[in-house]
Every structure is written in structure tokens, then in C-alpha cells.
Amino acid sequence: MKTYKLLWKKLRKIRVEVLKLSQEATAYKIGVTRNTYNRYELGYATPSPGNLVKIVDLFGQTVYREC
């Protein structure tokens, strides 16, 4: 679980610093509520495979470069 939280910590950094998106904007783009997306970032919930694909598509190559 610790590795999972570390991944989301890195993704949060990318979302804020590189993509300049709020949680609300990110959630809207992947089709979930802000509360649900917040739970992903905190490690309290796991995205469905479909939502995970949407997150990867949204973050694109940025994830690869930053991680």
C-alpha cells in the first residue's frame, strides 16, 4: 500500500505543477466526482480499470517523464 500512496503522491505533483489542474477539473475530465478523485489521491480508493485508463490518457507522457 505504501508504494501505491507514493505513486499517487507523484501523480498529484504532476497534476498540480505540470498540468495545473485542480482535483475538481481532473475529476470532471475522467468522469468521477471530486470526492472520488480525492480518495484516489489519498489512497483510500482504487480507480476502476476504466477510470485508470482515463487517468493515464489525461496525464499522457507527463507521467512517464516525471516518474
PDB file of N, CA and C in Angstrom:
ATOM      1  N   MET A   1       0.824  -1.201   0.000  1.00  0.00           N
ATOM      2  CA  MET A   1       0.000   0.000   0.000  1.00  0.00           C
ATOM      3  C   MET A   1       0.862   1.257   0.000  1.00  0.00           C
ATOM      4  N   LYS A   2       2.029   1.194   0.634  1.00  0.00           N
ATOM      5  CA  LYS A   2       2.897   2.355   0.691  1.00  0.00           C
ATOM      6  C   LYS A   2       3.334   2.783  -0.716  1.00  0.00           C
ATOM      7  N   THR A   3       3.655   1.826  -1.579  1.00  0.00           N
ATOM      8  CA  THR A   3       4.056   2.133  -2.948  1.00  0.00           C
ATOM      9  C   THR A   3       2.911   2.800  -3.696  1.00  0.00           C
ATOM     10  N   TYR A   4       1.697   2.329  -3.472  1.00  0.00           N
ATOM     11  CA  TYR A   4       0.516   2.890  -4.117  1.00  0.00           C
ATOM     12  C   TYR A   4       0.354   4.357  -3.734  1.00  0.00           C
ATOM     13  N   LYS A   5       0.525   4.662  -2.434  1.00  0.00           N
ATOM     14  CA  LYS A   5       0.398   6.052  -1.981  1.00  0.00           C
ATOM     15  C   LYS A   5       1.510   6.916  -2.548  1.00  0.00           C
ATOM     16  N   LEU A   6       2.706   6.361  -2.684  1.00  0.00           N
ATOM     17  CA  LEU A   6       3.813   7.105  -3.268  1.00  0.00           C
ATOM     18  C   LEU A   6       3.514   7.441  -4.730  1.00  0.00           C
ATOM     19  N   LEU A   7       2.929   6.494  -5.458  1.00  0.00           N
ATOM     20  CA  LEU A   7       2.554   6.740  -6.848  1.00  0.00           C
ATOM     21  C   LEU A   7       1.571   7.902  -6.930  1.00  0.00           C
ATOM     22  N   TRP A   8       0.537   7.884  -6.087  1.00  0.00           N
ATOM     23  CA  TRP A   8      -0.460   8.954  -6.127  1.00  0.00           C
ATOM     24  C   TRP A   8       0.117  10.285  -5.691  1.00  0.00           C
ATOM     25  N   LYS A   9       1.102  10.248  -4.787  1.00  0.00           N
ATOM     26  CA  LYS A   9       1.768  11.489  -4.388  1.00  0.00           C
ATOM     27  C   LYS A   9       2.487  12.103  -5.589  1.00  0.00           C
ATOM     28  N   LYS A  10       3.141  11.255  -6.384  1.00  0.00           N
ATOM     29  CA  LYS A  10       3.823  11.744  -7.589  1.00  0.00           C
ATOM     30  C   LYS A  10       2.816  12.244  -8.623  1.00  0.00           C
ATOM     31  N   LEU A  11       1.711  11.517  -8.765  1.00  0.00           N
ATOM     32  CA  LEU A  11       0.689  11.935  -9.722  1.00  0.00           C
ATOM     33  C   LEU A  11       0.052  13.261  -9.299  1.00  0.00           C
ATOM     34  N   ARG A  12      -0.130  13.460  -7.999  1.00  0.00           N
ATOM     35  CA  ARG A  12      -0.670  14.730  -7.514  1.00  0.00           C
ATOM     36  C   ARG A  12       0.280  15.875  -7.871  1.00  0.00           C
ATOM     37  N   LYS A  13       1.570  15.633  -7.682  1.00  0.00           N
ATOM     38  CA  LYS A  13       2.568  16.660  -8.009  1.00  0.00           C
ATOM     39  C   LYS A  13       2.492  17.016  -9.495  1.00  0.00           C
ATOM     40  N   ILE A  14       2.379  16.027 -10.347  1.00  0.00           N
ATOM     41  CA  ILE A  14       2.263  16.262 -11.792  1.00  0.00           C
ATOM     42  C   ILE A  14       0.982  17.040 -12.091  1.00  0.00           C
ATOM     43  N   ARG A  15      -0.126  16.617 -11.472  1.00  0.00           N
ATOM     44  CA  ARG A  15      -1.420  17.279 -11.702  1.00  0.00           C
ATOM     45  C   ARG A  15      -1.334  18.763 -11.357  1.00  0.00           C
ATOM     46  N   VAL A  16      -0.713  19.068 -10.230  1.00  0.00           N
ATOM     47  CA  VAL A  16      -0.668  20.454  -9.751  1.00  0.00           C
ATOM     48  C   VAL A  16       0.403  21.268 -10.463  1.00  0.00           C
ATOM     49  N   GLU A  17       1.618  20.744 -10.536  1.00  0.00           N
ATOM     50  CA  GLU A  17       2.751  21.538 -11.025  1.00  0.00           C
ATOM     51  C   GLU A  17       2.896  21.544 -12.544  1.00  0.00           C
ATOM     52  N   VAL A  18       2.583  20.435 -13.175  1.00  0.00           N
ATOM     53  CA  VAL A  18       2.784  20.340 -14.630  1.00  0.00           C
ATOM     54  C   VAL A  18       1.491  20.624 -15.393  1.00  0.00           C
ATOM     55  N   LEU A  19       0.440  19.915 -15.035  1.00  0.00           N
ATOM     56  CA  LEU A  19      -0.826  20.069 -15.754  1.00  0.00           C
ATOM     57  C   LEU A  19      -1.637  21.262 -15.256  1.00  0.00           C
ATOM     58  N   LYS A  20      -1.329  21.719 -14.050  1.00  0.00           N
ATOM     59  CA  LYS A  20      -2.021  22.867 -13.447  1.00  0.00           C
ATOM     60  C   LYS A  20      -3.538  22.657 -13.389  1.00  0.00           C
ATOM     61  N   LEU A  21      -3.922  21.473 -12.939  1.00  0.00           N
ATOM     62  CA  LEU A  21      -5.335  21.130 -12.816  1.00  0.00           C
ATOM     63  C   LEU A  21      -5.722  20.992 -11.354  1.00  0.00           C
ATOM     64  N   SER A  22      -6.919  21.414 -11.026  1.00  0.00           N
ATOM     65  CA  SER A  22      -7.469  21.176  -9.689  1.00  0.00           C
ATOM     66  C   SER A  22      -7.984  19.742  -9.638  1.00  0.00           C
ATOM     67  N   GLN A  23      -8.274  19.278  -8.430  1.00  0.00           N
ATOM     68  CA  GLN A  23      -8.893  17.958  -8.312  1.00  0.00           C
ATOM     69  C   GLN A  23     -10.247  17.960  -9.008  1.00  0.00           C
ATOM     70  N   GLU A  24     -10.974  19.040  -8.878  1.00  0.00           N
ATOM     71  CA  GLU A  24     -12.294  19.127  -9.493  1.00  0.00           C
ATOM     72  C   GLU A  24     -12.212  19.022 -11.017  1.00  0.00           C
ATOM     73  N   ALA A  25     -11.264  19.738 -11.617  1.00  0.00           N
ATOM     74  CA  ALA A  25     -11.096  19.690 -13.075  1.00  0.00           C
ATOM     75  C   ALA A  25     -10.646  18.304 -13.526  1.00  0.00           C
ATOM     76  N   THR A  26      -9.741  17.703 -12.775  1.00  0.00           N
ATOM     77  CA  THR A  26      -9.258  16.358 -13.114  1.00  0.00           C
ATOM     78  C   THR A  26     -10.399  15.354 -13.015  1.00  0.00           C
ATOM     79  N   ALA A  27     -11.164  15.442 -11.935  1.00  0.00           N
ATOM     80  CA  ALA A  27     -12.292  14.531 -11.743  1.00  0.00           C
ATOM     81  C   ALA A  27     -13.298  14.663 -12.885  1.00  0.00           C
ATOM     82  N   TYR A  28     -13.597  15.904 -13.272  1.00  0.00           N
ATOM     83  CA  TYR A  28     -14.536  16.150 -14.361  1.00  0.00           C
ATOM     84  C   TYR A  28     -14.036  15.496 -15.654  1.00  0.00           C
ATOM     85  N   LYS A  29     -12.755  15.640 -15.931  1.00  0.00           N
ATOM     86  CA  LYS A  29     -12.190  15.109 -17.174  1.00  0.00           C
ATOM     87  C   LYS A  29     -12.224  13.577 -17.227  1.00  0.00           C
ATOM     88  N   ILE A  30     -12.166  12.921 -16.056  1.00  0.00           N
ATOM     89  CA  ILE A  30     -12.207  11.452 -16.075  1.00  0.00           C
ATOM     90  C   ILE A  30     -13.586  10.901 -15.729  1.00  0.00           C
ATOM     91  N   GLY A  31     -14.531  11.801 -15.406  1.00  0.00           N
ATOM     92  CA  GLY A  31     -15.914  11.377 -15.203  1.00  0.00           C
ATOM     93  C   GLY A  31     -16.243  10.849 -13.819  1.00  0.00           C
ATOM     94  N   VAL A  32     -15.558  11.368 -12.780  1.00  0.00           N
ATOM     95  CA  VAL A  32     -15.877  10.996 -11.408  1.00  0.00           C
ATOM     96  C   VAL A  32     -16.089  12.273 -10.597  1.00  0.00           C
ATOM     97  N   THR A  33     -16.568  12.133  -9.376  1.00  0.00           N
ATOM     98  CA  THR A  33     -16.724  13.306  -8.514  1.00  0.00           C
ATOM     99  C   THR A  33     -15.367  13.718  -7.958  1.00  0.00           C
ATOM    100  N   ARG A  34     -15.295  14.957  -7.477  1.00  0.00           N
ATOM    101  CA  ARG A  34     -14.050  15.413  -6.870  1.00  0.00           C
ATOM    102  C   ARG A  34     -13.724  14.576  -5.635  1.00  0.00           C
ATOM    103  N   ASN A  35     -14.757  14.224  -4.883  1.00  0.00           N
ATOM    104  CA  ASN A  35     -14.553  13.403  -3.691  1.00  0.00           C
ATOM    105  C   ASN A  35     -13.934  12.048  -4.048  1.00  0.00           C
ATOM    106  N   THR A  36     -14.414  11.435  -5.104  1.00  0.00           N
ATOM    107  CA  THR A  36     -13.863  10.146  -5.540  1.00  0.00           C
ATOM    108  C   THR A  36     -12.412  10.305  -5.954  1.00  0.00           C
ATOM    109  N   TYR A  37     -12.123  11.335  -6.744  1.00  0.00           N
ATOM    110  CA  TYR A  37     -10.740  11.548  -7.171  1.00  0.00           C
ATOM    111  C   TYR A  37      -9.836  11.830  -5.967  1.00  0.00           C
ATOM    112  N   ASN A  38     -10.334  12.592  -5.018  1.00  0.00           N
ATOM    113  CA  ASN A  38      -9.580  12.869  -3.799  1.00  0.00           C
ATOM    114  C   ASN A  38      -9.237  11.567  -3.075  1.00  0.00           C
ATOM    115  N   ARG A  39     -10.185  10.651  -3.012  1.00  0.00           N
ATOM    116  CA  ARG A  39      -9.950   9.354  -2.370  1.00  0.00           C
ATOM    117  C   ARG A  39      -8.894   8.556  -3.118  1.00  0.00           C
ATOM    118  N   TYR A  40      -8.824   8.680  -4.438  1.00  0.00           N
ATOM    119  CA  TYR A  40      -7.749   8.023  -5.191  1.00  0.00           C
ATOM    120  C   TYR A  40      -6.393   8.570  -4.747  1.00  0.00           C
ATOM    121  N   GLU A  41      -6.291   9.906  -4.718  1.00  0.00           N
ATOM    122  CA  GLU A  41      -5.004  10.524  -4.376  1.00  0.00           C
ATOM    123  C   GLU A  41      -4.575  10.208  -2.946  1.00  0.00           C
ATOM    124  N   LEU A  42      -5.516  10.059  -2.047  1.00  0.00           N
ATOM    125  CA  LEU A  42      -5.185   9.750  -0.660  1.00  0.00           C
ATOM    126  C   LEU A  42      -4.948   8.259  -0.433  1.00  0.00           C
ATOM    127  N   GLY A  43      -5.255   7.445  -1.440  1.00  0.00           N
ATOM    128  CA  GLY A  43      -5.056   6.004  -1.318  1.00  0.00           C
ATOM    129  C   GLY A  43      -6.184   5.290  -0.607  1.00  0.00           C
ATOM    130  N   TYR A  44      -7.333   5.963  -0.455  1.00  0.00           N
ATOM    131  CA  TYR A  44      -8.483   5.352   0.203  1.00  0.00           C
ATOM    132  C   TYR A  44      -9.375   4.587  -0.755  1.00  0.00           C
ATOM    133  N   ALA A  45      -9.192   4.796  -2.041  1.00  0.00           N
ATOM    134  CA  ALA A  45      -9.986   4.106  -3.056  1.00  0.00           C
ATOM    135  C   ALA A  45      -9.085   3.776  -4.239  1.00  0.00           C
ATOM    136  N   THR A  46      -9.454   2.765  -4.961  1.00  0.00           N
ATOM    137  CA  THR A  46      -8.711   2.342  -6.143  1.00  0.00           C
ATOM    138  C   THR A  46      -9.579   2.596  -7.372  1.00  0.00           C
ATOM    139  N   PRO A  47      -9.028   3.262  -8.384  1.00  0.00           N
ATOM    140  CA  PRO A  47      -9.827   3.504  -9.587  1.00  0.00           C
ATOM    141  C   PRO A  47     -10.156   2.197 -10.304  1.00  0.00           C
ATOM    142  N   SER A  48     -11.313   2.170 -10.932  1.00  0.00           N
ATOM    143  CA  SER A  48     -11.670   1.020 -11.757  1.00  0.00           C
ATOM    144  C   SER A  48     -10.696   0.970 -12.938  1.00  0.00           C
ATOM    145  N   PRO A  49     -10.567  -0.180 -13.592  1.00  0.00           N
ATOM    146  CA  PRO A  49      -9.677  -0.243 -14.761  1.00  0.00           C
ATOM    147  C   PRO A  49     -10.012   0.822 -15.810  1.00  0.00           C
ATOM    148  N   GLY A  50     -11.300   1.077 -16.021  1.00  0.00           N
ATOM    149  CA  GLY A  50     -11.704   2.082 -16.999  1.00  0.00           C
ATOM    150  C   GLY A  50     -11.272   3.482 -16.593  1.00  0.00           C
ATOM    151  N   ASN A  51     -11.439   3.815 -15.312  1.00  0.00           N
ATOM    152  CA  ASN A  51     -11.019   5.128 -14.836  1.00  0.00           C
ATOM    153  C   ASN A  51      -9.500   5.255 -14.817  1.00  0.00           C
ATOM    154  N   LEU A  52      -8.825   4.169 -14.550  1.00  0.00           N
ATOM    155  CA  LEU A  52      -7.366   4.200 -14.573  1.00  0.00           C
ATOM    156  C   LEU A  52      -6.857   4.512 -15.976  1.00  0.00           C
ATOM    157  N   VAL A  53      -7.496   3.945 -16.979  1.00  0.00           N
ATOM    158  CA  VAL A  53      -7.137   4.240 -18.372  1.00  0.00           C
ATOM    159  C   VAL A  53      -7.379   5.723 -18.661  1.00  0.00           C
ATOM    160  N   LYS A  54      -8.496   6.266 -18.180  1.00  0.00           N
ATOM    161  CA  LYS A  54      -8.787   7.690 -18.392  1.00  0.00           C
ATOM    162  C   LYS A  54      -7.732   8.574 -17.721  1.00  0.00           C
ATOM    163  N   ILE A  55      -7.298   8.190 -16.529  1.00  0.00           N
ATOM    164  CA  ILE A  55      -6.274   8.954 -15.816  1.00  0.00           C
ATOM    165  C   ILE A  55      -4.962   8.922 -16.592  1.00  0.00           C
ATOM    166  N   VAL A  56      -4.576   7.749 -17.048  1.00  0.00           N
ATOM    167  CA  VAL A  56      -3.336   7.620 -17.827  1.00  0.00           C
ATOM    168  C   VAL A  56      -3.432   8.437 -19.113  1.00  0.00           C
ATOM    169  N   ASP A  57      -4.576   8.383 -19.786  1.00  0.00           N
ATOM    170  CA  ASP A  57      -4.761   9.170 -21.012  1.00  0.00           C
ATOM    171  C   ASP A  57      -4.661  10.670 -20.728  1.00  0.00           C
ATOM    172  N   LEU A  58      -5.260  11.108 -19.623  1.00  0.00           N
ATOM    173  CA  LEU A  58      -5.221  12.521 -19.259  1.00  0.00           C
ATOM    174  C   LEU A  58      -3.794  12.972 -18.951  1.00  0.00           C
ATOM    175  N   PHE A  59      -3.083  12.166 -18.188  1.00  0.00           N
ATOM    176  CA  PHE A  59      -1.728  12.536 -17.797  1.00  0.00           C
ATOM    177  C   PHE A  59      -0.734  12.311 -18.930  1.00  0.00           C
ATOM    178  N   GLY A  60      -1.039  11.382 -19.822  1.00  0.00           N
ATOM    179  CA  GLY A  60      -0.219  11.140 -21.006  1.00  0.00           C
ATOM    180  C   GLY A  60       1.242  10.883 -20.704  1.00  0.00           C
ATOM    181  N   GLN A  61       2.105  11.378 -21.559  1.00  0.00           N
ATOM    182  CA  GLN A  61       3.539  11.170 -21.411  1.00  0.00           C
ATOM    183  C   GLN A  61       4.121  11.901 -20.209  1.00  0.00           C
ATOM    184  N   THR A  62       3.363  12.812 -19.638  1.00  0.00           N
ATOM    185  CA  THR A  62       3.843  13.539 -18.458  1.00  0.00           C
ATOM    186  C   THR A  62       4.195  12.580 -17.331  1.00  0.00           C
ATOM    187  N   VAL A  63       3.381  11.532 -17.160  1.00  0.00           N
ATOM    188  CA  VAL A  63       3.636  10.555 -16.101  1.00  0.00           C
ATOM    189  C   VAL A  63       4.986   9.898 -16.338  1.00  0.00           C
ATOM    190  N   TYR A  64       5.243   9.507 -17.551  1.00  0.00           N
ATOM    191  CA  TYR A  64       6.493   8.829 -17.879  1.00  0.00           C
ATOM    192  C   TYR A  64       7.697   9.737 -17.606  1.00  0.00           C
ATOM    193  N   ARG A  65       7.606  10.985 -17.991  1.00  0.00           N
ATOM    194  CA  ARG A  65       8.730  11.919 -17.818  1.00  0.00           C
ATOM    195  C   ARG A  65       8.979  12.233 -16.352  1.00  0.00           C
ATOM    196  N   GLU A  66       7.928  12.410 -15.566  1.00  0.00           N
ATOM    197  CA  GLU A  66       8.077  12.845 -14.176  1.00  0.00           C
ATOM    198  C   GLU A  66       8.394  11.720 -13.215  1.00  0.00           C
ATOM    199  N   CYS A  67       7.957  10.501 -13.526  1.00  0.00           N
ATOM    200  CA  CYS A  67       8.184   9.371 -12.616  1.00  0.00           C
ATOM    201  C   CYS A  67       9.471   8.715 -13.001  1.00  0.00           C
TER     202      CYS A  67
END
